[in-house]
Amino acid sequence: MGPEEVVRAELGAWSRLNIDEIVSHFAADAVWDNVPLGAVSGHHEIRKAVQGYVDRTTQGDIEILNLAVAGNVVLTERVDHFVYDGKQIHARVMGAFEVNGDKITAWRDYFDVPNSPS
């Protein structure tokens, strides 16, 4: 698989909320950075973070609006549609993926976190 196919497979796995499938696309020493929330690295920490999201999610669908590939880097503009904690979320996200072989070595997502009312 090339970089684009790896990223499409990863994003598709989120629609199935399958933790093993989601984590399988990461390299053992990968870094997953939800930029406003912080980064995790390595399979163990990534699995733990994915589990935390999946446990609170009942439905997922990632809509890719635009995708660009430059060598081993894949950039995505997306709307991540989830039912999270019983609430529908439609998050507009820009993502940058670095792919080596058929594994994601780095994934950075940039998005705004809504302010909580005080």
PDB file of N, CA and C in Angstrom:
ATOM      1  N   MET A   1       0.837  -1.189   0.000  1.00  0.00           N
ATOM      2  CA  MET A   1       0.000   0.000   0.000  1.00  0.00           C
ATOM      3  C   MET A   1       0.875   1.243   0.000  1.00  0.00           C
ATOM      4  N   GLY A   2       0.459   2.229  -0.758  1.00  0.00           N
ATOM      5  CA  GLY A   2       1.141   3.511  -0.746  1.00  0.00           C
ATOM      6  C   GLY A   2       0.619   4.388   0.384  1.00  0.00           C
ATOM      7  N   PRO A   3       1.226   5.543   0.600  1.00  0.00           N
ATOM      8  CA  PRO A   3       0.808   6.423   1.697  1.00  0.00           C
ATOM      9  C   PRO A   3      -0.681   6.780   1.679  1.00  0.00           C
ATOM     10  N   GLU A   4      -1.216   7.114   0.511  1.00  0.00           N
ATOM     11  CA  GLU A   4      -2.640   7.471   0.449  1.00  0.00           C
ATOM     12  C   GLU A   4      -3.523   6.304   0.881  1.00  0.00           C
ATOM     13  N   GLU A   5      -3.201   5.098   0.412  1.00  0.00           N
ATOM     14  CA  GLU A   5      -4.012   3.930   0.766  1.00  0.00           C
ATOM     15  C   GLU A   5      -3.930   3.617   2.262  1.00  0.00           C
ATOM     16  N   VAL A   6      -2.748   3.802   2.842  1.00  0.00           N
ATOM     17  CA  VAL A   6      -2.584   3.564   4.284  1.00  0.00           C
ATOM     18  C   VAL A   6      -3.470   4.530   5.070  1.00  0.00           C
ATOM     19  N   VAL A   7      -3.446   5.796   4.687  1.00  0.00           N
ATOM     20  CA  VAL A   7      -4.247   6.802   5.398  1.00  0.00           C
ATOM     21  C   VAL A   7      -5.733   6.538   5.202  1.00  0.00           C
ATOM     22  N   ARG A   8      -6.142   6.223   3.989  1.00  0.00           N
ATOM     23  CA  ARG A   8      -7.564   5.914   3.766  1.00  0.00           C
ATOM     24  C   ARG A   8      -8.000   4.693   4.578  1.00  0.00           C
ATOM     25  N   ALA A   9      -7.132   3.683   4.681  1.00  0.00           N
ATOM     26  CA  ALA A   9      -7.444   2.493   5.474  1.00  0.00           C
ATOM     27  C   ALA A   9      -7.577   2.861   6.951  1.00  0.00           C
ATOM     28  N   GLU A  10      -6.667   3.701   7.445  1.00  0.00           N
ATOM     29  CA  GLU A  10      -6.730   4.128   8.853  1.00  0.00           C
ATOM     30  C   GLU A  10      -8.017   4.889   9.133  1.00  0.00           C
ATOM     31  N   LEU A  11      -8.335   5.846   8.296  1.00  0.00           N
ATOM     32  CA  LEU A  11      -9.547   6.633   8.529  1.00  0.00           C
ATOM     33  C   LEU A  11     -10.796   5.769   8.397  1.00  0.00           C
ATOM     34  N   GLY A  12     -10.780   4.814   7.481  1.00  0.00           N
ATOM     35  CA  GLY A  12     -11.897   3.883   7.357  1.00  0.00           C
ATOM     36  C   GLY A  12     -12.078   3.014   8.587  1.00  0.00           C
ATOM     37  N   ALA A  13     -10.971   2.643   9.225  1.00  0.00           N
ATOM     38  CA  ALA A  13     -11.045   1.817  10.439  1.00  0.00           C
ATOM     39  C   ALA A  13     -11.799   2.532  11.555  1.00  0.00           C
ATOM     40  N   TRP A  14     -11.694   3.858  11.592  1.00  0.00           N
ATOM     41  CA  TRP A  14     -12.426   4.624  12.615  1.00  0.00           C
ATOM     42  C   TRP A  14     -13.937   4.511  12.425  1.00  0.00           C
ATOM     43  N   SER A  15     -14.406   4.308  11.201  1.00  0.00           N
ATOM     44  CA  SER A  15     -15.842   4.137  10.971  1.00  0.00           C
ATOM     45  C   SER A  15     -16.346   2.832  11.568  1.00  0.00           C
ATOM     46  N   ARG A  16     -15.458   1.864  11.684  1.00  0.00           N
ATOM     47  CA  ARG A  16     -15.825   0.562  12.259  1.00  0.00           C
ATOM     48  C   ARG A  16     -15.544   0.499  13.759  1.00  0.00           C
ATOM     49  N   LEU A  17     -14.849   1.518  14.287  1.00  0.00           N
ATOM     50  CA  LEU A  17     -14.516   1.591  15.717  1.00  0.00           C
ATOM     51  C   LEU A  17     -13.828   0.325  16.205  1.00  0.00           C
ATOM     52  N   ASN A  18     -12.959  -0.241  15.333  1.00  0.00           N
ATOM     53  CA  ASN A  18     -12.242  -1.470  15.649  1.00  0.00           C
ATOM     54  C   ASN A  18     -10.838  -1.100  16.124  1.00  0.00           C
ATOM     55  N   ILE A  19     -10.596  -1.225  17.412  1.00  0.00           N
ATOM     56  CA  ILE A  19      -9.337  -0.784  18.013  1.00  0.00           C
ATOM     57  C   ILE A  19      -8.142  -1.495  17.393  1.00  0.00           C
ATOM     58  N   ASP A  20      -8.212  -2.806  17.243  1.00  0.00           N
ATOM     59  CA  ASP A  20      -7.086  -3.552  16.670  1.00  0.00           C
ATOM     60  C   ASP A  20      -6.771  -3.063  15.262  1.00  0.00           C
ATOM     61  N   GLU A  21      -7.814  -2.847  14.460  1.00  0.00           N
ATOM     62  CA  GLU A  21      -7.616  -2.374  13.090  1.00  0.00           C
ATOM     63  C   GLU A  21      -7.032  -0.961  13.082  1.00  0.00           C
ATOM     64  N   ILE A  22      -7.537  -0.093  13.937  1.00  0.00           N
ATOM     65  CA  ILE A  22      -7.037   1.287  14.006  1.00  0.00           C
ATOM     66  C   ILE A  22      -5.553   1.292  14.352  1.00  0.00           C
ATOM     67  N   VAL A  23      -5.174   0.563  15.380  1.00  0.00           N
ATOM     68  CA  VAL A  23      -3.786   0.555  15.853  1.00  0.00           C
ATOM     69  C   VAL A  23      -2.870  -0.153  14.858  1.00  0.00           C
ATOM     70  N   SER A  24      -3.390  -1.091  14.091  1.00  0.00           N
ATOM     71  CA  SER A  24      -2.558  -1.879  13.175  1.00  0.00           C
ATOM     72  C   SER A  24      -1.877  -1.036  12.099  1.00  0.00           C
ATOM     73  N   HIS A  25      -2.399   0.134  11.817  1.00  0.00           N
ATOM     74  CA  HIS A  25      -1.826   0.983  10.772  1.00  0.00           C
ATOM     75  C   HIS A  25      -0.666   1.846  11.279  1.00  0.00           C
ATOM     76  N   PHE A  26      -0.410   1.827  12.591  1.00  0.00           N
ATOM     77  CA  PHE A  26       0.667   2.613  13.185  1.00  0.00           C
ATOM     78  C   PHE A  26       1.951   1.798  13.284  1.00  0.00           C
ATOM     79  N   ALA A  27       3.087   2.455  13.049  1.00  0.00           N
ATOM     80  CA  ALA A  27       4.390   1.841  13.331  1.00  0.00           C
ATOM     81  C   ALA A  27       4.543   1.711  14.840  1.00  0.00           C
ATOM     82  N   ALA A  28       5.387   0.782  15.273  1.00  0.00           N
ATOM     83  CA  ALA A  28       5.568   0.521  16.713  1.00  0.00           C
ATOM     84  C   ALA A  28       6.002   1.761  17.484  1.00  0.00           C
ATOM     85  N   ASP A  29       6.749   2.654  16.851  1.00  0.00           N
ATOM     86  CA  ASP A  29       7.242   3.856  17.538  1.00  0.00           C
ATOM     87  C   ASP A  29       6.552   5.134  17.042  1.00  0.00           C
ATOM     88  N   ALA A  30       5.356   5.001  16.493  1.00  0.00           N
ATOM     89  CA  ALA A  30       4.632   6.138  15.932  1.00  0.00           C
ATOM     90  C   ALA A  30       4.254   7.156  17.001  1.00  0.00           C
ATOM     91  N   VAL A  31       3.990   8.375  16.528  1.00  0.00           N
ATOM     92  CA  VAL A  31       3.481   9.447  17.384  1.00  0.00           C
ATOM     93  C   VAL A  31       2.139   9.887  16.824  1.00  0.00           C
ATOM     94  N   TRP A  32       1.118   9.919  17.691  1.00  0.00           N
ATOM     95  CA  TRP A  32      -0.218  10.388  17.323  1.00  0.00           C
ATOM     96  C   TRP A  32      -0.478  11.638  18.135  1.00  0.00           C
ATOM     97  N   ASP A  33      -0.598  12.770  17.452  1.00  0.00           N
ATOM     98  CA  ASP A  33      -0.721  14.057  18.121  1.00  0.00           C
ATOM     99  C   ASP A  33      -2.028  14.733  17.741  1.00  0.00           C
ATOM    100  N   ASN A  34      -2.966  14.739  18.674  1.00  0.00           N
ATOM    101  CA  ASN A  34      -4.165  15.569  18.551  1.00  0.00           C
ATOM    102  C   ASN A  34      -3.743  16.914  19.113  1.00  0.00           C
ATOM    103  N   VAL A  35      -3.224  17.772  18.251  1.00  0.00           N
ATOM    104  CA  VAL A  35      -2.436  18.942  18.640  1.00  0.00           C
ATOM    105  C   VAL A  35      -3.029  19.728  19.810  1.00  0.00           C
ATOM    106  N   PRO A  36      -4.320  20.070  19.823  1.00  0.00           N
ATOM    107  CA  PRO A  36      -4.790  20.845  20.971  1.00  0.00           C
ATOM    108  C   PRO A  36      -4.866  20.035  22.271  1.00  0.00           C
ATOM    109  N   LEU A  37      -4.831  18.698  22.157  1.00  0.00           N
ATOM    110  CA  LEU A  37      -5.007  17.843  23.332  1.00  0.00           C
ATOM    111  C   LEU A  37      -3.720  17.167  23.790  1.00  0.00           C
ATOM    112  N   GLY A  38      -2.733  17.051  22.896  1.00  0.00           N
ATOM    113  CA  GLY A  38      -1.465  16.428  23.257  1.00  0.00           C
ATOM    114  C   GLY A  38      -1.180  15.162  22.470  1.00  0.00           C
ATOM    115  N   ALA A  39       0.071  14.726  22.575  1.00  0.00           N
ATOM    116  CA  ALA A  39       0.561  13.589  21.790  1.00  0.00           C
ATOM    117  C   ALA A  39       0.747  12.353  22.657  1.00  0.00           C
ATOM    118  N   VAL A  40       0.639  11.197  22.002  1.00  0.00           N
ATOM    119  CA  VAL A  40       0.991   9.907  22.595  1.00  0.00           C
ATOM    120  C   VAL A  40       1.900   9.197  21.605  1.00  0.00           C
ATOM    121  N   SER A  41       2.748   8.299  22.105  1.00  0.00           N
ATOM    122  CA  SER A  41       3.653   7.604  21.197  1.00  0.00           C
ATOM    123  C   SER A  41       3.784   6.141  21.573  1.00  0.00           C
ATOM    124  N   GLY A  42       4.047   5.331  20.554  1.00  0.00           N
ATOM    125  CA  GLY A  42       4.200   3.891  20.721  1.00  0.00           C
ATOM    126  C   GLY A  42       2.857   3.181  20.749  1.00  0.00           C
ATOM    127  N   HIS A  43       2.865   1.906  20.342  1.00  0.00           N
ATOM    128  CA  HIS A  43       1.616   1.132  20.255  1.00  0.00           C
ATOM    129  C   HIS A  43       0.835   1.110  21.557  1.00  0.00           C
ATOM    130  N   HIS A  44       1.510   0.915  22.684  1.00  0.00           N
ATOM    131  CA  HIS A  44       0.789   0.807  23.962  1.00  0.00           C
ATOM    132  C   HIS A  44       0.012   2.085  24.270  1.00  0.00           C
ATOM    133  N   GLU A  45       0.675   3.233  24.167  1.00  0.00           N
ATOM    134  CA  GLU A  45       0.022   4.511  24.483  1.00  0.00           C
ATOM    135  C   GLU A  45      -1.031   4.877  23.438  1.00  0.00           C
ATOM    136  N   ILE A  46      -0.747   4.586  22.176  1.00  0.00           N
ATOM    137  CA  ILE A  46      -1.734   4.864  21.133  1.00  0.00           C
ATOM    138  C   ILE A  46      -2.965   3.995  21.349  1.00  0.00           C
ATOM    139  N   ARG A  47      -2.777   2.710  21.634  1.00  0.00           N
ATOM    140  CA  ARG A  47      -3.914   1.810  21.885  1.00  0.00           C
ATOM    141  C   ARG A  47      -4.757   2.319  23.061  1.00  0.00           C
ATOM    142  N   LYS A  48      -4.089   2.740  24.110  1.00  0.00           N
ATOM    143  CA  LYS A  48      -4.789   3.257  25.297  1.00  0.00           C
ATOM    144  C   LYS A  48      -5.628   4.494  24.926  1.00  0.00           C
ATOM    145  N   ALA A  49      -5.053   5.402  24.149  1.00  0.00           N
ATOM    146  CA  ALA A  49      -5.776   6.603  23.739  1.00  0.00           C
ATOM    147  C   ALA A  49      -6.946   6.255  22.822  1.00  0.00           C
ATOM    148  N   VAL A  50      -6.710   5.367  21.849  1.00  0.00           N
ATOM    149  CA  VAL A  50      -7.780   4.939  20.937  1.00  0.00           C
ATOM    150  C   VAL A  50      -8.901   4.294  21.746  1.00  0.00           C
ATOM    151  N   GLN A  51      -8.549   3.423  22.680  1.00  0.00           N
ATOM    152  CA  GLN A  51      -9.548   2.755  23.528  1.00  0.00           C
ATOM    153  C   GLN A  51     -10.395   3.789  24.263  1.00  0.00           C
ATOM    154  N   GLY A  52      -9.745   4.836  24.771  1.00  0.00           N
ATOM    155  CA  GLY A  52     -10.477   5.891  25.474  1.00  0.00           C
ATOM    156  C   GLY A  52     -11.515   6.561  24.587  1.00  0.00           C
ATOM    157  N   TYR A  53     -11.169   6.797  23.325  1.00  0.00           N
ATOM    158  CA  TYR A  53     -12.132   7.404  22.400  1.00  0.00           C
ATOM    159  C   TYR A  53     -13.220   6.406  22.013  1.00  0.00           C
ATOM    160  N   VAL A  54     -12.822   5.199  21.644  1.00  0.00           N
ATOM    161  CA  VAL A  54     -13.786   4.207  21.160  1.00  0.00           C
ATOM    162  C   VAL A  54     -14.787   3.831  22.255  1.00  0.00           C
ATOM    163  N   ASP A  55     -14.342   3.736  23.493  1.00  0.00           N
ATOM    164  CA  ASP A  55     -15.254   3.399  24.587  1.00  0.00           C
ATOM    165  C   ASP A  55     -16.386   4.411  24.745  1.00  0.00           C
ATOM    166  N   ARG A  56     -16.149   5.635  24.315  1.00  0.00           N
ATOM    167  CA  ARG A  56     -17.141   6.700  24.477  1.00  0.00           C
ATOM    168  C   ARG A  56     -17.873   7.023  23.172  1.00  0.00           C
ATOM    169  N   THR A  57     -17.607   6.239  22.117  1.00  0.00           N
ATOM    170  CA  THR A  57     -18.144   6.508  20.788  1.00  0.00           C
ATOM    171  C   THR A  57     -19.046   5.371  20.352  1.00  0.00           C
ATOM    172  N   THR A  58     -20.232   5.721  19.842  1.00  0.00           N
ATOM    173  CA  THR A  58     -21.157   4.690  19.367  1.00  0.00           C
ATOM    174  C   THR A  58     -21.279   4.673  17.849  1.00  0.00           C
ATOM    175  N   GLN A  59     -20.808   5.728  17.193  1.00  0.00           N
ATOM    176  CA  GLN A  59     -20.865   5.770  15.736  1.00  0.00           C
ATOM    177  C   GLN A  59     -19.763   6.674  15.228  1.00  0.00           C
ATOM    178  N   GLY A  60     -19.143   6.276  14.118  1.00  0.00           N
ATOM    179  CA  GLY A  60     -18.091   7.094  13.533  1.00  0.00           C
ATOM    180  C   GLY A  60     -18.141   7.078  12.017  1.00  0.00           C
ATOM    181  N   ASP A  61     -17.825   8.206  11.433  1.00  0.00           N
ATOM    182  CA  ASP A  61     -17.714   8.315   9.984  1.00  0.00           C
ATOM    183  C   ASP A  61     -16.800   9.491   9.693  1.00  0.00           C
ATOM    184  N   ILE A  62     -15.755   9.252   8.941  1.00  0.00           N
ATOM    185  CA  ILE A  62     -14.830  10.315   8.594  1.00  0.00           C
ATOM    186  C   ILE A  62     -15.024  10.658   7.127  1.00  0.00           C
ATOM    187  N   GLU A  63     -15.402  11.896   6.897  1.00  0.00           N
ATOM    188  CA  GLU A  63     -15.652  12.408   5.544  1.00  0.00           C
ATOM    189  C   GLU A  63     -14.406  13.163   5.080  1.00  0.00           C
ATOM    190  N   ILE A  64     -13.754  12.652   4.056  1.00  0.00           N
ATOM    191  CA  ILE A  64     -12.572  13.310   3.504  1.00  0.00           C
ATOM    192  C   ILE A  64     -13.035  14.329   2.467  1.00  0.00           C
ATOM    193  N   LEU A  65     -12.737  15.608   2.723  1.00  0.00           N
ATOM    194  CA  LEU A  65     -13.094  16.668   1.788  1.00  0.00           C
ATOM    195  C   LEU A  65     -12.008  16.864   0.735  1.00  0.00           C
ATOM    196  N   ASN A  66     -10.749  16.865   1.192  1.00  0.00           N
ATOM    197  CA  ASN A  66      -9.597  17.020   0.304  1.00  0.00           C
ATOM    198  C   ASN A  66      -8.454  16.176   0.837  1.00  0.00           C
ATOM    199  N   LEU A  67      -7.648  15.671  -0.075  1.00  0.00           N
ATOM    200  CA  LEU A  67      -6.500  14.858   0.292  1.00  0.00           C
ATOM    201  C   LEU A  67      -5.375  15.165  -0.688  1.00  0.00           C
ATOM    202  N   ALA A  68      -4.177  15.395  -0.153  1.00  0.00           N
ATOM    203  CA  ALA A  68      -3.015  15.679  -0.996  1.00  0.00           C
ATOM    204  C   ALA A  68      -1.856  14.821  -0.528  1.00  0.00           C
ATOM    205  N   VAL A  69      -1.053  14.364  -1.486  1.00  0.00           N
ATOM    206  CA  VAL A  69       0.096  13.519  -1.172  1.00  0.00           C
ATOM    207  C   VAL A  69       1.348  14.182  -1.724  1.00  0.00           C
ATOM    208  N   ALA A  70       2.379  14.268  -0.873  1.00  0.00           N
ATOM    209  CA  ALA A  70       3.701  14.763  -1.291  1.00  0.00           C
ATOM    210  C   ALA A  70       4.720  13.776  -0.733  1.00  0.00           C
ATOM    211  N   GLY A  71       5.180  12.869  -1.586  1.00  0.00           N
ATOM    212  CA  GLY A  71       6.113  11.843  -1.122  1.00  0.00           C
ATOM    213  C   GLY A  71       5.451  10.933  -0.116  1.00  0.00           C
ATOM    214  N   ASN A  72       5.995  10.903   1.105  1.00  0.00           N
ATOM    215  CA  ASN A  72       5.435  10.030   2.143  1.00  0.00           C
ATOM    216  C   ASN A  72       4.500  10.771   3.094  1.00  0.00           C
ATOM    217  N   VAL A  73       4.139  12.019   2.757  1.00  0.00           N
ATOM    218  CA  VAL A  73       3.256  12.825   3.599  1.00  0.00           C
ATOM    219  C   VAL A  73       1.888  12.926   2.938  1.00  0.00           C
ATOM    220  N   VAL A  74       0.845  12.696   3.740  1.00  0.00           N
ATOM    221  CA  VAL A  74      -0.533  12.807   3.264  1.00  0.00           C
ATOM    222  C   VAL A  74      -1.231  13.866   4.117  1.00  0.00           C
ATOM    223  N   LEU A  75      -1.818  14.855   3.443  1.00  0.00           N
ATOM    224  CA  LEU A  75      -2.568  15.909   4.125  1.00  0.00           C
ATOM    225  C   LEU A  75      -4.048  15.700   3.853  1.00  0.00           C
ATOM    226  N   THR A  76      -4.853  15.835   4.908  1.00  0.00           N
ATOM    227  CA  THR A  76      -6.293  15.650   4.749  1.00  0.00           C
ATOM    228  C   THR A  76      -7.036  16.841   5.333  1.00  0.00           C
ATOM    229  N   GLU A  77      -8.095  17.231   4.640  1.00  0.00           N
ATOM    230  CA  GLU A  77      -9.104  18.119   5.194  1.00  0.00           C
ATOM    231  C   GLU A  77     -10.333  17.248   5.348  1.00  0.00           C
ATOM    232  N   ARG A  78     -10.872  17.205   6.591  1.00  0.00           N
ATOM    233  CA  ARG A  78     -11.930  16.235   6.875  1.00  0.00           C
ATOM    234  C   ARG A  78     -13.011  16.849   7.759  1.00  0.00           C
ATOM    235  N   VAL A  79     -14.131  16.147   7.767  1.00  0.00           N
ATOM    236  CA  VAL A  79     -15.125  16.351   8.814  1.00  0.00           C
ATOM    237  C   VAL A  79     -15.280  15.000   9.488  1.00  0.00           C
ATOM    238  N   ASP A  80     -14.923  14.948  10.768  1.00  0.00           N
ATOM    239  CA  ASP A  80     -15.043  13.716  11.543  1.00  0.00           C
ATOM    240  C   ASP A  80     -16.402  13.734  12.231  1.00  0.00           C
ATOM    241  N   HIS A  81     -17.277  12.821  11.796  1.00  0.00           N
ATOM    242  CA  HIS A  81     -18.636  12.727  12.337  1.00  0.00           C
ATOM    243  C   HIS A  81     -18.651  11.576  13.345  1.00  0.00           C
ATOM    244  N   PHE A  82     -18.935  11.883  14.586  1.00  0.00           N
ATOM    245  CA  PHE A  82     -18.992  10.856  15.632  1.00  0.00           C
ATOM    246  C   PHE A  82     -20.187  11.101  16.539  1.00  0.00           C
ATOM    247  N   VAL A  83     -20.664  10.014  17.132  1.00  0.00           N
ATOM    248  CA  VAL A  83     -21.562  10.129  18.278  1.00  0.00           C
ATOM    249  C   VAL A  83     -20.691   9.783  19.473  1.00  0.00           C
ATOM    250  N   TYR A  84     -20.365  10.808  20.249  1.00  0.00           N
ATOM    251  CA  TYR A  84     -19.389  10.719  21.342  1.00  0.00           C
ATOM    252  C   TYR A  84     -20.075  11.163  22.619  1.00  0.00           C
ATOM    253  N   ASP A  85     -20.062  10.289  23.616  1.00  0.00           N
ATOM    254  CA  ASP A  85     -20.791  10.552  24.866  1.00  0.00           C
ATOM    255  C   ASP A  85     -22.256  10.874  24.585  1.00  0.00           C
ATOM    256  N   GLY A  86     -22.828  10.206  23.587  1.00  0.00           N
ATOM    257  CA  GLY A  86     -24.236  10.387  23.261  1.00  0.00           C
ATOM    258  C   GLY A  86     -24.556  11.642  22.469  1.00  0.00           C
ATOM    259  N   LYS A  87     -23.539  12.429  22.128  1.00  0.00           N
ATOM    260  CA  LYS A  87     -23.757  13.685  21.392  1.00  0.00           C
ATOM    261  C   LYS A  87     -23.139  13.596  20.002  1.00  0.00           C
ATOM    262  N   GLN A  88     -23.854  14.131  19.025  1.00  0.00           N
ATOM    263  CA  GLN A  88     -23.300  14.171  17.668  1.00  0.00           C
ATOM    264  C   GLN A  88     -22.223  15.238  17.594  1.00  0.00           C
ATOM    265  N   ILE A  89     -21.081  14.856  17.051  1.00  0.00           N
ATOM    266  CA  ILE A  89     -19.943  15.748  16.862  1.00  0.00           C
ATOM    267  C   ILE A  89     -19.625  15.788  15.365  1.00  0.00           C
ATOM    268  N   HIS A  90     -19.408  16.971  14.853  1.00  0.00           N
ATOM    269  CA  HIS A  90     -19.007  17.149  13.462  1.00  0.00           C
ATOM    270  C   HIS A  90     -17.771  18.053  13.496  1.00  0.00           C
ATOM    271  N   ALA A  91     -16.610  17.452  13.666  1.00  0.00           N
ATOM    272  CA  ALA A  91     -15.368  18.206  13.845  1.00  0.00           C
ATOM    273  C   ALA A  91     -14.670  18.427  12.517  1.00  0.00           C
ATOM    274  N   ARG A  92     -14.380  19.676  12.203  1.00  0.00           N
ATOM    275  CA  ARG A  92     -13.597  20.011  11.010  1.00  0.00           C
ATOM    276  C   ARG A  92     -12.130  19.888  11.401  1.00  0.00           C
ATOM    277  N   VAL A  93     -11.385  19.091  10.637  1.00  0.00           N
ATOM    278  CA  VAL A  93     -10.024  18.715  11.014  1.00  0.00           C
ATOM    279  C   VAL A  93      -9.087  18.813   9.811  1.00  0.00           C
ATOM    280  N   MET A  94      -7.880  19.303  10.070  1.00  0.00           N
ATOM    281  CA  MET A  94      -6.783  19.199   9.107  1.00  0.00           C
ATOM    282  C   MET A  94      -5.806  18.188   9.686  1.00  0.00           C
ATOM    283  N   GLY A  95      -5.415  17.204   8.904  1.00  0.00           N
ATOM    284  CA  GLY A  95      -4.520  16.163   9.392  1.00  0.00           C
ATOM    285  C   GLY A  95      -3.286  16.028   8.524  1.00  0.00           C
ATOM    286  N   ALA A  96      -2.168  15.733   9.167  1.00  0.00           N
ATOM    287  CA  ALA A  96      -0.911  15.468   8.461  1.00  0.00           C
ATOM    288  C   ALA A  96      -0.409  14.102   8.906  1.00  0.00           C
ATOM    289  N   PHE A  97      -0.202  13.217   7.957  1.00  0.00           N
ATOM    290  CA  PHE A  97       0.258  11.861   8.209  1.00  0.00           C
ATOM    291  C   PHE A  97       1.616  11.663   7.551  1.00  0.00           C
ATOM    292  N   GLU A  98       2.542  11.063   8.280  1.00  0.00           N
ATOM    293  CA  GLU A  98       3.808  10.627   7.703  1.00  0.00           C
ATOM    294  C   GLU A  98       3.766   9.112   7.661  1.00  0.00           C
ATOM    295  N   VAL A  99       4.060   8.551   6.492  1.00  0.00           N
ATOM    296  CA  VAL A  99       3.940   7.111   6.281  1.00  0.00           C
ATOM    297  C   VAL A  99       5.288   6.571   5.825  1.00  0.00           C
ATOM    298  N   ASN A 100       5.710   5.475   6.451  1.00  0.00           N
ATOM    299  CA  ASN A 100       6.940   4.785   6.060  1.00  0.00           C
ATOM    300  C   ASN A 100       6.563   3.344   5.745  1.00  0.00           C
ATOM    301  N   GLY A 101       6.747   2.935   4.497  1.00  0.00           N
ATOM    302  CA  GLY A 101       6.293   1.604   4.088  1.00  0.00           C
ATOM    303  C   GLY A 101       4.778   1.584   4.142  1.00  0.00           C
ATOM    304  N   ASP A 102       4.223   0.666   4.913  1.00  0.00           N
ATOM    305  CA  ASP A 102       2.763   0.600   5.043  1.00  0.00           C
ATOM    306  C   ASP A 102       2.297   0.951   6.448  1.00  0.00           C
ATOM    307  N   LYS A 103       3.082   1.770   7.163  1.00  0.00           N
ATOM    308  CA  LYS A 103       2.735   2.157   8.534  1.00  0.00           C
ATOM    309  C   LYS A 103       2.798   3.666   8.715  1.00  0.00           C
ATOM    310  N   ILE A 104       1.904   4.169   9.525  1.00  0.00           N
ATOM    311  CA  ILE A 104       1.908   5.578   9.902  1.00  0.00           C
ATOM    312  C   ILE A 104       2.956   5.760  10.984  1.00  0.00           C
ATOM    313  N   THR A 105       3.901   6.661  10.746  1.00  0.00           N
ATOM    314  CA  THR A 105       4.936   6.945  11.749  1.00  0.00           C
ATOM    315  C   THR A 105       4.606   8.194  12.547  1.00  0.00           C
ATOM    316  N   ALA A 106       3.804   9.092  11.975  1.00  0.00           N
ATOM    317  CA  ALA A 106       3.360  10.293  12.686  1.00  0.00           C
ATOM    318  C   ALA A 106       2.013  10.717  12.128  1.00  0.00           C
ATOM    319  N   TRP A 107       1.125  11.130  13.038  1.00  0.00           N
ATOM    320  CA  TRP A 107      -0.190  11.641  12.657  1.00  0.00           C
ATOM    321  C   TRP A 107      -0.459  12.847  13.539  1.00  0.00           C
ATOM    322  N   ARG A 108      -0.629  14.010  12.889  1.00  0.00           N
ATOM    323  CA  ARG A 108      -0.949  15.233  13.605  1.00  0.00           C
ATOM    324  C   ARG A 108      -2.291  15.747  13.105  1.00  0.00           C
ATOM    325  N   ASP A 109      -3.228  15.952  14.022  1.00  0.00           N
ATOM    326  CA  ASP A 109      -4.527  16.525  13.681  1.00  0.00           C
ATOM    327  C   ASP A 109      -4.644  17.899  14.317  1.00  0.00           C
ATOM    328  N   TYR A 110      -5.102  18.855  13.518  1.00  0.00           N
ATOM    329  CA  TYR A 110      -5.274  20.237  13.955  1.00  0.00           C
ATOM    330  C   TYR A 110      -6.761  20.560  13.913  1.00  0.00           C
ATOM    331  N   PHE A 111      -7.306  20.993  15.049  1.00  0.00           N
ATOM    332  CA  PHE A 111      -8.730  21.313  15.142  1.00  0.00           C
ATOM    333  C   PHE A 111      -8.953  22.219  16.345  1.00  0.00           C
ATOM    334  N   ASP A 112     -10.093  22.875  16.343  1.00  0.00           N
ATOM    335  CA  ASP A 112     -10.456  23.725  17.479  1.00  0.00           C
ATOM    336  C   ASP A 112     -11.236  22.900  18.485  1.00  0.00           C
ATOM    337  N   VAL A 113     -10.964  23.138  19.754  1.00  0.00           N
ATOM    338  CA  VAL A 113     -11.721  22.514  20.834  1.00  0.00           C
ATOM    339  C   VAL A 113     -12.718  23.560  21.317  1.00  0.00           C
ATOM    340  N   PRO A 114     -14.022  23.224  21.294  1.00  0.00           N
ATOM    341  CA  PRO A 114     -15.014  24.226  21.729  1.00  0.00           C
ATOM    342  C   PRO A 114     -14.782  24.617  23.185  1.00  0.00           C
ATOM    343  N   ASN A 115     -15.007  25.877  23.471  1.00  0.00           N
ATOM    344  CA  ASN A 115     -14.903  26.357  24.853  1.00  0.00           C
ATOM    345  C   ASN A 115     -16.070  25.841  25.677  1.00  0.00           C
ATOM    346  N   SER A 116     -15.781  25.469  26.904  1.00  0.00           N
ATOM    347  CA  SER A 116     -16.851  25.073  27.820  1.00  0.00           C
ATOM    348  C   SER A 116     -17.414  26.325  28.459  1.00  0.00           C
ATOM    349  N   PRO A 117     -18.731  26.364  28.659  1.00  0.00           N
ATOM    350  CA  PRO A 117     -19.297  27.537  29.328  1.00  0.00           C
ATOM    351  C   PRO A 117     -18.776  27.616  30.752  1.00  0.00           C
ATOM    352  N   SER A 118     -18.531  28.827  31.220  1.00  0.00           N
ATOM    353  CA  SER A 118     -18.008  29.013  32.581  1.00  0.00           C
ATOM    354  C   SER A 118     -19.104  29.070  33.591  1.00  0.00           C
TER     355      SER A 118
END
